[in-house]
Amino acid sequence: MELETMTALELAAKIKQRQIHVVDGVKAVFDQIESKEETVHAYLDLYKKEVLDRRISLTTIFEWLMSDKIDSSDSWYYLHYIKEGLFAELDRYCKACRERNLKCSICNVTECKNKLGGLDFEDFKQFIHITNPTVIGILNIKSYPKYLPSGITSPFAKGLRDIPKDFERNSNAISYKDSDNYQCALTTITGDDSDDDIALISSGILMNSNIYNLLMDYDCLISKNINIPSIMDEEILQGNSFDPREAEHIAHCKDVKVVSLDEFIKSL
């Protein structure tokens, strides 16, 4: 395996096992920073002499690689990779789009990237939570890949291309107003064509404390192929002996509906 293709965890493990020399490992870190910095602008190249006086020493890099806390990075670390991965998926969608010669003039993929590229980490964190409303828990090394699901292609990118109106510019999600003036957020929700899709998606949203406050701004979530008139009604219907006192999450989460992308477009 080439050093530049390894994750930080893999690189640290190889160094600890003496399969890679420390100097080579640290050099690989610097090489990766320099290869991406002009594109990503993450300002990680502070070790250079000409960049103020906040250089990162070799000792600091080495201690980080050897640290037992390497797998518990701050959320901005994962947000950076989520944003990079999201942009890559949107670029792939554009290149593979069979209708790019017909719909480029009305497609909002580029406008979406421009909006997301201008968000700070806190605003981008709100965006990924509302766009992936069934991803529960804290953002860490185990959860961050869940924010790059297949739903980025459809319904998210497909919605940006096919919804015949511009999204709301001041929303913390990519959202649209429907014919009833309700605020509808474009998400990555995708059903697996199983009998319990609706039940699992409703429960996932209602139990996701990451979006309790964010969901107050929306009335509808746009999915690929799921239609749920009320996520709370669906949660109650899941059990014959439902007791509201045992479902604290319902009291905290706003009731919203979920609508498929095709149905949303038809309703406009």
C-alpha atoms as a PDB file:
ATOM      1  CA  MET A   1       0.000   0.000   0.000  1.00  0.00           C
ATOM      2  CA  GLU A   2       1.356   3.457  -0.950  1.00  0.00           C
ATOM      3  CA  LEU A   3       1.883   5.840   1.954  1.00  0.00           C
ATOM      4  CA  GLU A   4      -0.255   8.582   0.390  1.00  0.00           C
ATOM      5  CA  THR A   5      -3.266   6.253   0.184  1.00  0.00           C
ATOM      6  CA  MET A   6      -3.203   5.344   3.880  1.00  0.00           C
ATOM      7  CA  THR A   7      -5.459   6.890   6.481  1.00  0.00           C
ATOM      8  CA  ALA A   8      -3.825   8.473   9.523  1.00  0.00           C
ATOM      9  CA  LEU A   9      -4.818   5.431  11.586  1.00  0.00           C
ATOM     10  CA  GLU A  10      -3.215   3.027   9.093  1.00  0.00           C
ATOM     11  CA  LEU A  11      -0.049   5.118   8.915  1.00  0.00           C
ATOM     12  CA  ALA A  12       0.263   5.303  12.696  1.00  0.00           C
ATOM     13  CA  ALA A  13      -0.227   1.545  13.005  1.00  0.00           C
ATOM     14  CA  LYS A  14       2.498   0.828  10.427  1.00  0.00           C
ATOM     15  CA  ILE A  15       4.927   3.123  12.253  1.00  0.00           C
ATOM     16  CA  LYS A  16       4.186   1.476  15.601  1.00  0.00           C
ATOM     17  CA  GLN A  17       4.754  -1.940  14.015  1.00  0.00           C
ATOM     18  CA  ARG A  18       8.069  -0.654  12.571  1.00  0.00           C
ATOM     19  CA  GLN A  19       6.919  -1.427   9.048  1.00  0.00           C
ATOM     20  CA  ILE A  20       7.411   2.234   8.064  1.00  0.00           C
ATOM     21  CA  HIS A  21      10.212   4.564   9.132  1.00  0.00           C
ATOM     22  CA  VAL A  22       9.098   7.605  11.142  1.00  0.00           C
ATOM     23  CA  VAL A  23      10.745  10.039   8.719  1.00  0.00           C
ATOM     24  CA  ASP A  24       8.957   8.503   5.758  1.00  0.00           C
ATOM     25  CA  GLY A  25       5.642   8.621   7.604  1.00  0.00           C
ATOM     26  CA  VAL A  26       5.942  12.275   8.583  1.00  0.00           C
ATOM     27  CA  LYS A  27       7.115  13.205   5.078  1.00  0.00           C
ATOM     28  CA  ALA A  28       4.003  11.498   3.668  1.00  0.00           C
ATOM     29  CA  VAL A  29       1.832  13.686   5.897  1.00  0.00           C
ATOM     30  CA  PHE A  30       3.531  16.867   4.633  1.00  0.00           C
ATOM     31  CA  ASP A  31       3.336  15.709   1.008  1.00  0.00           C
ATOM     32  CA  GLN A  32      -0.410  15.102   1.351  1.00  0.00           C
ATOM     33  CA  ILE A  33      -0.925  18.563   2.851  1.00  0.00           C
ATOM     34  CA  GLU A  34       0.963  20.272   0.029  1.00  0.00           C
ATOM     35  CA  SER A  35      -0.776  18.264  -2.697  1.00  0.00           C
ATOM     36  CA  LYS A  36      -4.242  19.330  -1.495  1.00  0.00           C
ATOM     37  CA  GLU A  37      -3.775  22.757   0.085  1.00  0.00           C
ATOM     38  CA  GLU A  38      -4.179  24.901  -3.034  1.00  0.00           C
ATOM     39  CA  THR A  39      -7.458  23.148  -3.819  1.00  0.00           C
ATOM     40  CA  VAL A  40      -8.911  22.643  -0.344  1.00  0.00           C
ATOM     41  CA  HIS A  41      -7.527  25.786   1.389  1.00  0.00           C
ATOM     42  CA  ALA A  42      -7.627  24.133   4.783  1.00  0.00           C
ATOM     43  CA  TYR A  43      -4.657  26.253   5.949  1.00  0.00           C
ATOM     44  CA  LEU A  44      -2.734  23.234   7.189  1.00  0.00           C
ATOM     45  CA  ASP A  45       0.582  24.359   5.711  1.00  0.00           C
ATOM     46  CA  LEU A  46       1.526  26.547   8.666  1.00  0.00           C
ATOM     47  CA  TYR A  47       4.738  24.589   9.103  1.00  0.00           C
ATOM     48  CA  LYS A  48       6.265  26.564   6.217  1.00  0.00           C
ATOM     49  CA  LYS A  49       8.722  29.241   7.233  1.00  0.00           C
ATOM     50  CA  GLU A  50       7.018  31.954   5.206  1.00  0.00           C
ATOM     51  CA  VAL A  51       3.588  31.373   6.763  1.00  0.00           C
ATOM     52  CA  LEU A  52       3.479  33.670   9.815  1.00  0.00           C
ATOM     53  CA  ASP A  53       5.200  32.201  12.867  1.00  0.00           C
ATOM     54  CA  ARG A  54       2.880  29.301  13.631  1.00  0.00           C
ATOM     55  CA  ARG A  55       4.831  26.471  12.084  1.00  0.00           C
ATOM     56  CA  ILE A  56       3.909  22.889  12.957  1.00  0.00           C
ATOM     57  CA  SER A  57       6.951  21.040  14.200  1.00  0.00           C
ATOM     58  CA  LEU A  58       7.939  17.487  13.290  1.00  0.00           C
ATOM     59  CA  THR A  59       7.541  16.613  16.970  1.00  0.00           C
ATOM     60  CA  THR A  60       3.908  17.737  16.906  1.00  0.00           C
ATOM     61  CA  ILE A  61       3.134  15.641  13.823  1.00  0.00           C
ATOM     62  CA  PHE A  62       4.897  12.609  15.303  1.00  0.00           C
ATOM     63  CA  GLU A  63       3.098  12.912  18.656  1.00  0.00           C
ATOM     64  CA  TRP A  64      -0.238  13.152  16.848  1.00  0.00           C
ATOM     65  CA  LEU A  65       0.475  10.028  14.780  1.00  0.00           C
ATOM     66  CA  MET A  66       1.471   8.085  17.891  1.00  0.00           C
ATOM     67  CA  SER A  67      -1.377   9.346  20.050  1.00  0.00           C
ATOM     68  CA  ASP A  68      -4.057   6.960  21.254  1.00  0.00           C
ATOM     69  CA  LYS A  69      -6.526   9.786  20.551  1.00  0.00           C
ATOM     70  CA  ILE A  70      -5.851   9.804  16.821  1.00  0.00           C
ATOM     71  CA  ASP A  71      -9.273   8.244  16.186  1.00  0.00           C
ATOM     72  CA  SER A  72     -11.093  10.950  18.156  1.00  0.00           C
ATOM     73  CA  SER A  73     -10.343  14.030  16.061  1.00  0.00           C
ATOM     74  CA  ASP A  74     -12.396  17.197  16.354  1.00  0.00           C
ATOM     75  CA  SER A  75     -15.522  17.306  14.205  1.00  0.00           C
ATOM     76  CA  TRP A  76     -13.972  19.814  11.777  1.00  0.00           C
ATOM     77  CA  TYR A  77     -11.579  17.066  10.653  1.00  0.00           C
ATOM     78  CA  TYR A  78     -14.472  14.856   9.558  1.00  0.00           C
ATOM     79  CA  LEU A  79     -16.478  17.781   8.181  1.00  0.00           C
ATOM     80  CA  HIS A  80     -13.568  18.557   5.874  1.00  0.00           C
ATOM     81  CA  TYR A  81     -13.594  15.043   4.443  1.00  0.00           C
ATOM     82  CA  ILE A  82     -17.386  14.987   4.167  1.00  0.00           C
ATOM     83  CA  LYS A  83     -17.357  18.229   2.196  1.00  0.00           C
ATOM     84  CA  GLU A  84     -14.565  16.972  -0.044  1.00  0.00           C
ATOM     85  CA  GLY A  85     -16.395  13.674  -0.609  1.00  0.00           C
ATOM     86  CA  LEU A  86     -19.702  15.412  -1.306  1.00  0.00           C
ATOM     87  CA  PHE A  87     -18.135  17.674  -3.927  1.00  0.00           C
ATOM     88  CA  ALA A  88     -16.462  14.673  -5.564  1.00  0.00           C
ATOM     89  CA  GLU A  89     -19.819  12.846  -5.772  1.00  0.00           C
ATOM     90  CA  LEU A  90     -21.523  15.903  -7.260  1.00  0.00           C
ATOM     91  CA  ASP A  91     -18.729  16.222  -9.847  1.00  0.00           C
ATOM     92  CA  ARG A  92     -19.119  12.550 -10.758  1.00  0.00           C
ATOM     93  CA  TYR A  93     -22.849  13.003 -11.122  1.00  0.00           C
ATOM     94  CA  CYS A  94     -22.367  15.919 -13.514  1.00  0.00           C
ATOM     95  CA  LYS A  95     -19.854  14.032 -15.646  1.00  0.00           C
ATOM     96  CA  ALA A  96     -22.119  10.976 -15.888  1.00  0.00           C
ATOM     97  CA  CYS A  97     -25.347  12.924 -16.426  1.00  0.00           C
ATOM     98  CA  ARG A  98     -27.072  11.764 -19.605  1.00  0.00           C
ATOM     99  CA  GLU A  99     -28.988  15.018 -19.874  1.00  0.00           C
ATOM    100  CA  ARG A 100     -26.169  17.462 -19.271  1.00  0.00           C
ATOM    101  CA  ASN A 101     -26.520  18.999 -22.730  1.00  0.00           C
ATOM    102  CA  LEU A 102     -30.242  19.551 -22.147  1.00  0.00           C
ATOM    103  CA  LYS A 103     -30.430  20.567 -18.481  1.00  0.00           C
ATOM    104  CA  CYS A 104     -27.132  22.282 -17.666  1.00  0.00           C
ATOM    105  CA  SER A 105     -28.706  25.717 -18.014  1.00  0.00           C
ATOM    106  CA  ILE A 106     -31.308  24.943 -15.314  1.00  0.00           C
ATOM    107  CA  CYS A 107     -29.276  22.534 -13.146  1.00  0.00           C
ATOM    108  CA  ASN A 108     -28.393  23.843  -9.675  1.00  0.00           C
ATOM    109  CA  VAL A 109     -25.493  21.521  -8.839  1.00  0.00           C
ATOM    110  CA  THR A 110     -22.907  24.263  -9.353  1.00  0.00           C
ATOM    111  CA  GLU A 111     -24.949  26.775  -7.340  1.00  0.00           C
ATOM    112  CA  CYS A 112     -25.193  24.196  -4.547  1.00  0.00           C
ATOM    113  CA  LYS A 113     -21.422  23.701  -4.496  1.00  0.00           C
ATOM    114  CA  ASN A 114     -20.910  27.459  -4.390  1.00  0.00           C
ATOM    115  CA  LYS A 115     -23.260  27.743  -1.423  1.00  0.00           C
ATOM    116  CA  LEU A 116     -21.705  24.861   0.508  1.00  0.00           C
ATOM    117  CA  GLY A 117     -18.177  26.024  -0.289  1.00  0.00           C
ATOM    118  CA  GLY A 118     -18.909  29.311   1.450  1.00  0.00           C
ATOM    119  CA  LEU A 119     -20.227  27.759   4.676  1.00  0.00           C
ATOM    120  CA  ASP A 120     -18.111  27.677   7.799  1.00  0.00           C
ATOM    121  CA  PHE A 121     -17.785  24.362   9.612  1.00  0.00           C
ATOM    122  CA  GLU A 122     -20.667  25.003  12.020  1.00  0.00           C
ATOM    123  CA  ASP A 123     -23.100  25.890   9.211  1.00  0.00           C
ATOM    124  CA  PHE A 124     -21.884  22.949   7.128  1.00  0.00           C
ATOM    125  CA  LYS A 125     -22.455  20.670  10.112  1.00  0.00           C
ATOM    126  CA  GLN A 126     -26.079  21.832  10.264  1.00  0.00           C
ATOM    127  CA  PHE A 127     -26.397  21.167   6.542  1.00  0.00           C
ATOM    128  CA  ILE A 128     -25.180  17.557   6.735  1.00  0.00           C
ATOM    129  CA  HIS A 129     -27.447  16.798   9.681  1.00  0.00           C
ATOM    130  CA  ILE A 130     -30.633  18.024   8.004  1.00  0.00           C
ATOM    131  CA  THR A 131     -29.612  16.453   4.665  1.00  0.00           C
ATOM    132  CA  ASN A 132     -28.994  13.087   6.354  1.00  0.00           C
ATOM    133  CA  PRO A 133     -31.782  13.133   8.980  1.00  0.00           C
ATOM    134  CA  THR A 134     -31.606   9.412   9.796  1.00  0.00           C
ATOM    135  CA  VAL A 135     -27.898   9.457  10.748  1.00  0.00           C
ATOM    136  CA  ILE A 136     -27.899   9.363  14.547  1.00  0.00           C
ATOM    137  CA  GLY A 137     -25.120  10.036  17.056  1.00  0.00           C
ATOM    138  CA  ILE A 138     -21.975  12.107  17.280  1.00  0.00           C
ATOM    139  CA  LEU A 139     -19.723  12.802  14.324  1.00  0.00           C
ATOM    140  CA  ASN A 140     -16.648  10.582  14.596  1.00  0.00           C
ATOM    141  CA  ILE A 141     -14.481   8.149  12.644  1.00  0.00           C
ATOM    142  CA  LYS A 142     -17.219   5.500  12.619  1.00  0.00           C
ATOM    143  CA  SER A 143     -20.137   7.735  11.676  1.00  0.00           C
ATOM    144  CA  TYR A 144     -18.727  10.177   9.135  1.00  0.00           C
ATOM    145  CA  PRO A 145     -18.931   7.766   6.122  1.00  0.00           C
ATOM    146  CA  LYS A 146     -22.708   7.607   6.728  1.00  0.00           C
ATOM    147  CA  TYR A 147     -22.888  11.235   5.630  1.00  0.00           C
ATOM    148  CA  LEU A 148     -21.748  10.205   2.142  1.00  0.00           C
ATOM    149  CA  PRO A 149     -24.511   7.723   1.190  1.00  0.00           C
ATOM    150  CA  SER A 150     -25.747   6.665  -2.237  1.00  0.00           C
ATOM    151  CA  GLY A 151     -28.550   9.182  -1.762  1.00  0.00           C
ATOM    152  CA  ILE A 152     -26.146  11.955  -2.745  1.00  0.00           C
ATOM    153  CA  THR A 153     -26.679  10.853  -6.351  1.00  0.00           C
ATOM    154  CA  SER A 154     -30.429  10.392  -6.002  1.00  0.00           C
ATOM    155  CA  PRO A 155     -32.386  12.147  -4.701  1.00  0.00           C
ATOM    156  CA  PHE A 156     -29.931  14.930  -3.777  1.00  0.00           C
ATOM    157  CA  ALA A 157     -28.021  15.626  -7.017  1.00  0.00           C
ATOM    158  CA  LYS A 158     -30.963  14.492  -9.162  1.00  0.00           C
ATOM    159  CA  GLY A 159     -33.185  16.932  -7.286  1.00  0.00           C
ATOM    160  CA  LEU A 160     -30.752  19.775  -7.907  1.00  0.00           C
ATOM    161  CA  ARG A 161     -30.996  18.963 -11.609  1.00  0.00           C
ATOM    162  CA  ASP A 162     -34.698  18.202 -11.976  1.00  0.00           C
ATOM    163  CA  ILE A 163     -36.573  20.454  -9.531  1.00  0.00           C
ATOM    164  CA  PRO A 164     -37.733  23.299 -11.795  1.00  0.00           C
ATOM    165  CA  LYS A 165     -37.030  26.165  -9.421  1.00  0.00           C
ATOM    166  CA  ASP A 166     -34.146  27.671  -7.481  1.00  0.00           C
ATOM    167  CA  PHE A 167     -33.473  26.566  -3.909  1.00  0.00           C
ATOM    168  CA  GLU A 168     -33.797  28.956  -0.984  1.00  0.00           C
ATOM    169  CA  ARG A 169     -30.542  30.877  -0.568  1.00  0.00           C
ATOM    170  CA  ASN A 170     -30.775  31.627   3.146  1.00  0.00           C
ATOM    171  CA  SER A 171     -31.670  28.150   4.384  1.00  0.00           C
ATOM    172  CA  ASN A 172     -29.222  25.911   6.281  1.00  0.00           C
ATOM    173  CA  ALA A 173     -30.254  23.102   3.927  1.00  0.00           C
ATOM    174  CA  ILE A 174     -30.926  22.898   0.215  1.00  0.00           C
ATOM    175  CA  SER A 175     -34.638  23.606   0.415  1.00  0.00           C
ATOM    176  CA  TYR A 176     -37.573  24.656  -1.731  1.00  0.00           C
ATOM    177  CA  LYS A 177     -41.037  26.044  -1.092  1.00  0.00           C
ATOM    178  CA  ASP A 178     -43.833  23.858  -2.411  1.00  0.00           C
ATOM    179  CA  SER A 179     -47.172  24.989  -3.859  1.00  0.00           C
ATOM    180  CA  ASP A 180     -48.545  25.459  -0.315  1.00  0.00           C
ATOM    181  CA  ASN A 181     -45.542  27.596   0.663  1.00  0.00           C
ATOM    182  CA  TYR A 182     -44.186  24.855   2.961  1.00  0.00           C
ATOM    183  CA  GLN A 183     -40.421  24.643   3.361  1.00  0.00           C
ATOM    184  CA  CYS A 184     -39.098  21.337   1.981  1.00  0.00           C
ATOM    185  CA  ALA A 185     -35.493  20.176   2.520  1.00  0.00           C
ATOM    186  CA  LEU A 186     -33.757  18.061  -0.124  1.00  0.00           C
ATOM    187  CA  THR A 187     -32.220  15.032   1.605  1.00  0.00           C
ATOM    188  CA  THR A 188     -30.430  11.764   0.889  1.00  0.00           C
ATOM    189  CA  ILE A 189     -33.262   9.607   2.290  1.00  0.00           C
ATOM    190  CA  THR A 190     -33.534   6.422   0.222  1.00  0.00           C
ATOM    191  CA  GLY A 191     -35.719   3.393   0.811  1.00  0.00           C
ATOM    192  CA  ASP A 192     -34.405  -0.129   0.335  1.00  0.00           C
ATOM    193  CA  ASP A 193     -37.715  -1.433  -1.055  1.00  0.00           C
ATOM    194  CA  SER A 194     -38.272  -3.436   2.120  1.00  0.00           C
ATOM    195  CA  ASP A 195     -41.538  -3.710   4.060  1.00  0.00           C
ATOM    196  CA  ASP A 196     -40.184  -1.767   7.032  1.00  0.00           C
ATOM    197  CA  ASP A 197     -38.642   1.165   5.112  1.00  0.00           C
ATOM    198  CA  ILE A 198     -41.259   3.654   6.277  1.00  0.00           C
ATOM    199  CA  ALA A 199     -41.127   2.503   9.905  1.00  0.00           C
ATOM    200  CA  LEU A 200     -37.319   2.595  10.082  1.00  0.00           C
ATOM    201  CA  ILE A 201     -37.043   6.005   8.421  1.00  0.00           C
ATOM    202  CA  SER A 202     -39.726   7.540  10.648  1.00  0.00           C
ATOM    203  CA  SER A 203     -38.065   6.188  13.799  1.00  0.00           C
ATOM    204  CA  GLY A 204     -34.623   7.267  12.618  1.00  0.00           C
ATOM    205  CA  ILE A 205     -35.736  10.860  12.140  1.00  0.00           C
ATOM    206  CA  LEU A 206     -37.683  11.045  15.403  1.00  0.00           C
ATOM    207  CA  MET A 207     -34.786   9.636  17.442  1.00  0.00           C
ATOM    208  CA  ASN A 208     -32.140  11.894  15.886  1.00  0.00           C
ATOM    209  CA  SER A 209     -31.389  14.602  18.454  1.00  0.00           C
ATOM    210  CA  ASN A 210     -28.982  16.236  15.980  1.00  0.00           C
ATOM    211  CA  ILE A 211     -31.935  17.676  14.062  1.00  0.00           C
ATOM    212  CA  TYR A 212     -34.514  18.519  16.746  1.00  0.00           C
ATOM    213  CA  ASN A 213     -33.821  22.267  16.537  1.00  0.00           C
ATOM    214  CA  LEU A 214     -32.954  22.297  12.835  1.00  0.00           C
ATOM    215  CA  LEU A 215     -36.193  20.571  11.860  1.00  0.00           C
ATOM    216  CA  MET A 216     -38.240  23.458  13.249  1.00  0.00           C
ATOM    217  CA  ASP A 217     -37.585  25.353  10.007  1.00  0.00           C
ATOM    218  CA  TYR A 218     -39.006  22.637   7.740  1.00  0.00           C
ATOM    219  CA  ASP A 219     -42.334  20.968   7.062  1.00  0.00           C
ATOM    220  CA  CYS A 220     -41.275  18.348   4.548  1.00  0.00           C
ATOM    221  CA  LEU A 221     -38.246  16.204   3.667  1.00  0.00           C
ATOM    222  CA  ILE A 222     -37.676  15.247   0.024  1.00  0.00           C
ATOM    223  CA  SER A 223     -36.601  11.615  -0.432  1.00  0.00           C
ATOM    224  CA  LYS A 224     -35.835   9.343  -3.355  1.00  0.00           C
ATOM    225  CA  ASN A 225     -38.779   6.969  -3.122  1.00  0.00           C
ATOM    226  CA  ILE A 226     -40.474   7.320   0.288  1.00  0.00           C
ATOM    227  CA  ASN A 227     -43.820   8.980   1.068  1.00  0.00           C
ATOM    228  CA  ILE A 228     -44.858   9.410   4.716  1.00  0.00           C
ATOM    229  CA  PRO A 229     -47.725  11.823   5.497  1.00  0.00           C
ATOM    230  CA  SER A 230     -46.655  12.083   9.156  1.00  0.00           C
ATOM    231  CA  ILE A 231     -43.581  10.567  10.794  1.00  0.00           C
ATOM    232  CA  MET A 232     -45.230  10.777  14.220  1.00  0.00           C
ATOM    233  CA  ASP A 233     -48.360   8.958  13.091  1.00  0.00           C
ATOM    234  CA  GLU A 234     -46.161   6.272  11.561  1.00  0.00           C
ATOM    235  CA  GLU A 235     -44.210   5.889  14.815  1.00  0.00           C
ATOM    236  CA  ILE A 236     -47.427   5.487  16.788  1.00  0.00           C
ATOM    237  CA  LEU A 237     -48.753   2.910  14.309  1.00  0.00           C
ATOM    238  CA  GLN A 238     -45.676   0.715  14.755  1.00  0.00           C
ATOM    239  CA  GLY A 239     -46.927  -0.753  18.022  1.00  0.00           C
ATOM    240  CA  ASN A 240     -50.366  -1.735  19.290  1.00  0.00           C
ATOM    241  CA  SER A 241     -49.499  -0.708  22.838  1.00  0.00           C
ATOM    242  CA  PHE A 242     -47.873   2.646  22.149  1.00  0.00           C
ATOM    243  CA  ASP A 243     -47.333   4.720  25.293  1.00  0.00           C
ATOM    244  CA  PRO A 244     -46.406   8.391  24.616  1.00  0.00           C
ATOM    245  CA  ARG A 245     -44.710   8.570  28.030  1.00  0.00           C
ATOM    246  CA  GLU A 246     -42.167   6.007  26.834  1.00  0.00           C
ATOM    247  CA  ALA A 247     -41.437   7.859  23.604  1.00  0.00           C
ATOM    248  CA  GLU A 248     -39.681  10.993  24.807  1.00  0.00           C
ATOM    249  CA  HIS A 249     -38.172  11.582  21.371  1.00  0.00           C
ATOM    250  CA  ILE A 250     -41.620  12.359  19.921  1.00  0.00           C
ATOM    251  CA  ALA A 251     -42.029  15.273  22.325  1.00  0.00           C
ATOM    252  CA  HIS A 252     -38.761  16.831  21.150  1.00  0.00           C
ATOM    253  CA  CYS A 253     -39.033  16.352  17.384  1.00  0.00           C
ATOM    254  CA  LYS A 254     -41.289  18.280  15.032  1.00  0.00           C
ATOM    255  CA  ASP A 255     -43.710  16.219  12.988  1.00  0.00           C
ATOM    256  CA  VAL A 256     -42.885  16.454   9.291  1.00  0.00           C
ATOM    257  CA  LYS A 257     -43.882  14.585   6.191  1.00  0.00           C
ATOM    258  CA  VAL A 258     -41.568  12.799   3.785  1.00  0.00           C
ATOM    259  CA  VAL A 259     -42.275  12.970   0.061  1.00  0.00           C
ATOM    260  CA  SER A 260     -40.568  11.339  -2.898  1.00  0.00           C
ATOM    261  CA  LEU A 261     -38.723  13.528  -5.377  1.00  0.00           C
ATOM    262  CA  ASP A 262     -41.124  12.621  -8.188  1.00  0.00           C
ATOM    263  CA  GLU A 263     -44.161  13.491  -6.072  1.00  0.00           C
ATOM    264  CA  PHE A 264     -42.602  16.771  -4.977  1.00  0.00           C
ATOM    265  CA  ILE A 265     -41.925  17.815  -8.574  1.00  0.00           C
ATOM    266  CA  LYS A 266     -45.492  16.880  -9.588  1.00  0.00           C
ATOM    267  CA  SER A 267     -46.888  19.030  -6.789  1.00  0.00           C
ATOM    268  CA  LEU A 268     -45.174  22.212  -7.963  1.00  0.00           C
END
